[in-house]
N, C-alpha and C. Protein backbone atom coordinates (compact mmCIF):
# COMPACT_ATOMS: atom_id res chain seq x y z
N MET A 1 -167.38 74.17 132.23
CA MET A 1 -168.63 74.44 132.94
C MET A 1 -168.32 74.84 134.38
N SER A 2 -168.99 75.87 134.86
CA SER A 2 -168.73 76.39 136.19
C SER A 2 -169.27 75.45 137.26
N GLU A 3 -168.57 75.44 138.37
CA GLU A 3 -168.98 74.63 139.52
C GLU A 3 -170.16 75.29 140.25
N PHE A 4 -170.38 76.57 139.98
CA PHE A 4 -171.42 77.34 140.66
C PHE A 4 -172.46 77.83 139.66
N SER A 5 -173.67 78.02 140.16
CA SER A 5 -174.69 78.65 139.32
C SER A 5 -174.37 80.14 139.23
N GLU A 6 -175.00 80.83 138.29
CA GLU A 6 -174.78 82.27 138.14
C GLU A 6 -175.15 83.01 139.42
N ILE A 7 -176.22 82.58 140.06
CA ILE A 7 -176.67 83.24 141.29
C ILE A 7 -175.66 83.03 142.41
N GLU A 8 -175.15 81.81 142.54
CA GLU A 8 -174.14 81.55 143.57
C GLU A 8 -172.90 82.40 143.32
N GLU A 9 -172.49 82.51 142.07
CA GLU A 9 -171.33 83.35 141.73
C GLU A 9 -171.59 84.80 142.10
N MET A 10 -172.80 85.28 141.83
CA MET A 10 -173.15 86.66 142.15
C MET A 10 -173.03 86.91 143.66
N TYR A 11 -173.56 86.00 144.46
CA TYR A 11 -173.47 86.14 145.91
C TYR A 11 -172.01 86.12 146.37
N LEU A 12 -171.23 85.19 145.86
CA LEU A 12 -169.83 85.10 146.25
C LEU A 12 -169.07 86.37 145.88
N LYS A 13 -169.34 86.91 144.70
CA LYS A 13 -168.68 88.15 144.27
C LYS A 13 -169.05 89.31 145.18
N ARG A 14 -170.32 89.43 145.51
CA ARG A 14 -170.77 90.51 146.40
C ARG A 14 -170.14 90.37 147.79
N MET A 15 -170.10 89.15 148.30
CA MET A 15 -169.47 88.94 149.61
C MET A 15 -167.99 89.30 149.55
N PHE A 16 -167.33 88.93 148.46
CA PHE A 16 -165.91 89.25 148.30
C PHE A 16 -165.71 90.77 148.25
N GLU A 17 -166.59 91.48 147.53
CA GLU A 17 -166.49 92.94 147.45
C GLU A 17 -166.58 93.57 148.84
N VAL A 18 -167.58 93.15 149.61
CA VAL A 18 -167.77 93.70 150.95
C VAL A 18 -166.57 93.36 151.83
N HIS A 19 -166.14 92.12 151.76
CA HIS A 19 -165.02 91.67 152.59
C HIS A 19 -163.73 92.39 152.20
N SER A 20 -163.55 92.69 150.93
CA SER A 20 -162.35 93.40 150.47
C SER A 20 -162.29 94.81 151.03
N GLN A 21 -163.45 95.44 151.18
CA GLN A 21 -163.51 96.81 151.71
C GLN A 21 -163.26 96.84 153.21
N THR A 22 -163.73 95.83 153.92
CA THR A 22 -163.57 95.76 155.37
C THR A 22 -163.20 94.33 155.76
N PRO A 23 -161.92 93.96 155.59
CA PRO A 23 -161.49 92.56 155.79
C PRO A 23 -161.77 91.98 157.17
N ASP A 24 -161.79 92.80 158.20
CA ASP A 24 -161.98 92.28 159.55
C ASP A 24 -163.45 92.17 159.95
N ALA A 25 -164.33 92.68 159.11
CA ALA A 25 -165.76 92.70 159.45
C ALA A 25 -166.47 91.46 158.92
N ILE A 26 -167.55 91.12 159.58
CA ILE A 26 -168.43 90.05 159.12
C ILE A 26 -169.37 90.64 158.08
N VAL A 27 -169.59 89.93 157.00
CA VAL A 27 -170.52 90.37 155.97
C VAL A 27 -171.94 90.08 156.47
N LYS A 28 -172.71 91.11 156.67
CA LYS A 28 -174.06 90.97 157.22
C LYS A 28 -175.06 90.61 156.13
N THR A 29 -176.00 89.76 156.48
CA THR A 29 -177.02 89.38 155.50
C THR A 29 -177.86 90.59 155.09
N THR A 30 -178.14 91.48 156.03
CA THR A 30 -178.92 92.67 155.69
C THR A 30 -178.16 93.57 154.73
N GLN A 31 -176.86 93.64 154.91
CA GLN A 31 -176.01 94.44 154.02
C GLN A 31 -176.06 93.89 152.60
N LEU A 32 -175.93 92.58 152.46
CA LEU A 32 -176.01 91.96 151.14
C LEU A 32 -177.39 92.14 150.53
N ALA A 33 -178.43 91.99 151.34
CA ALA A 33 -179.79 92.14 150.85
C ALA A 33 -180.01 93.55 150.28
N GLU A 34 -179.53 94.56 150.99
CA GLU A 34 -179.66 95.93 150.51
C GLU A 34 -178.87 96.15 149.22
N MET A 35 -177.66 95.64 149.16
CA MET A 35 -176.82 95.79 147.97
C MET A 35 -177.46 95.14 146.75
N MET A 36 -178.09 93.99 146.97
CA MET A 36 -178.60 93.20 145.86
C MET A 36 -180.09 93.44 145.59
N GLY A 37 -180.74 94.20 146.46
CA GLY A 37 -182.16 94.50 146.27
C GLY A 37 -183.06 93.29 146.44
N ILE A 38 -182.70 92.43 147.39
CA ILE A 38 -183.50 91.23 147.66
C ILE A 38 -183.77 91.12 149.16
N SER A 39 -184.58 90.17 149.55
CA SER A 39 -184.95 90.04 150.96
C SER A 39 -183.82 89.40 151.77
N PRO A 40 -183.70 89.79 153.04
CA PRO A 40 -182.71 89.15 153.91
C PRO A 40 -182.90 87.64 154.01
N ALA A 41 -184.15 87.17 153.95
CA ALA A 41 -184.40 85.73 154.03
C ALA A 41 -183.78 85.00 152.84
N SER A 42 -183.85 85.60 151.65
CA SER A 42 -183.24 84.99 150.47
C SER A 42 -181.73 84.92 150.61
N VAL A 43 -181.15 85.98 151.18
CA VAL A 43 -179.70 86.00 151.39
C VAL A 43 -179.31 84.91 152.38
N THR A 44 -180.04 84.81 153.47
CA THR A 44 -179.75 83.79 154.48
C THR A 44 -179.81 82.40 153.88
N GLU A 45 -180.82 82.15 153.06
CA GLU A 45 -180.97 80.84 152.43
C GLU A 45 -179.77 80.51 151.54
N MET A 46 -179.33 81.49 150.75
CA MET A 46 -178.19 81.25 149.87
C MET A 46 -176.90 81.09 150.67
N ILE A 47 -176.72 81.88 151.71
CA ILE A 47 -175.52 81.75 152.53
C ILE A 47 -175.47 80.37 153.17
N GLN A 48 -176.60 79.88 153.62
CA GLN A 48 -176.64 78.54 154.20
C GLN A 48 -176.28 77.48 153.15
N ARG A 49 -176.77 77.67 151.93
CA ARG A 49 -176.45 76.73 150.84
C ARG A 49 -174.94 76.77 150.55
N LEU A 50 -174.37 77.96 150.47
CA LEU A 50 -172.93 78.09 150.21
C LEU A 50 -172.12 77.54 151.38
N SER A 51 -172.62 77.71 152.58
CA SER A 51 -171.95 77.16 153.76
C SER A 51 -171.95 75.64 153.73
N ASP A 52 -173.07 75.06 153.34
CA ASP A 52 -173.17 73.60 153.22
C ASP A 52 -172.16 73.05 152.22
N ARG A 53 -171.83 73.85 151.22
CA ARG A 53 -170.86 73.45 150.20
C ARG A 53 -169.43 73.79 150.60
N GLY A 54 -169.26 74.41 151.78
CA GLY A 54 -167.93 74.74 152.27
C GLY A 54 -167.32 75.99 151.67
N MET A 55 -168.14 76.84 151.04
CA MET A 55 -167.63 78.03 150.38
C MET A 55 -167.56 79.24 151.29
N VAL A 56 -168.40 79.30 152.29
CA VAL A 56 -168.39 80.40 153.26
C VAL A 56 -168.63 79.82 154.64
N THR A 57 -168.31 80.61 155.64
CA THR A 57 -168.62 80.23 157.01
C THR A 57 -169.82 81.05 157.43
N HIS A 58 -170.88 80.38 157.80
CA HIS A 58 -172.10 81.07 158.22
C HIS A 58 -172.17 81.07 159.74
N ILE A 59 -172.35 82.26 160.29
CA ILE A 59 -172.52 82.40 161.73
C ILE A 59 -173.96 82.87 161.95
N PRO A 60 -174.85 81.98 162.41
CA PRO A 60 -176.25 82.35 162.57
C PRO A 60 -176.43 83.63 163.38
N TYR A 61 -177.32 84.47 162.89
CA TYR A 61 -177.66 85.76 163.49
C TYR A 61 -176.52 86.77 163.41
N ARG A 62 -175.48 86.47 162.64
CA ARG A 62 -174.37 87.42 162.47
C ARG A 62 -174.08 87.69 161.00
N GLY A 63 -174.14 86.67 160.14
CA GLY A 63 -173.82 86.84 158.72
C GLY A 63 -172.82 85.79 158.28
N SER A 64 -171.91 86.20 157.40
CA SER A 64 -170.91 85.25 156.90
C SER A 64 -169.56 85.91 156.80
């Protein structure tokens, strides 16, 4: 059984894809929202949840 929900895995995979293309750049919440076709607020909420679990580093007003 996975440690992550399907949605959490989807977010992590998308963040990894963006980070792989531009390793030195911060992954922007707006960028993820556009890629995934969802609202920036939903992305921010999930990034905060993943940050609370220690999976990503969230920098408020910058992304992850």
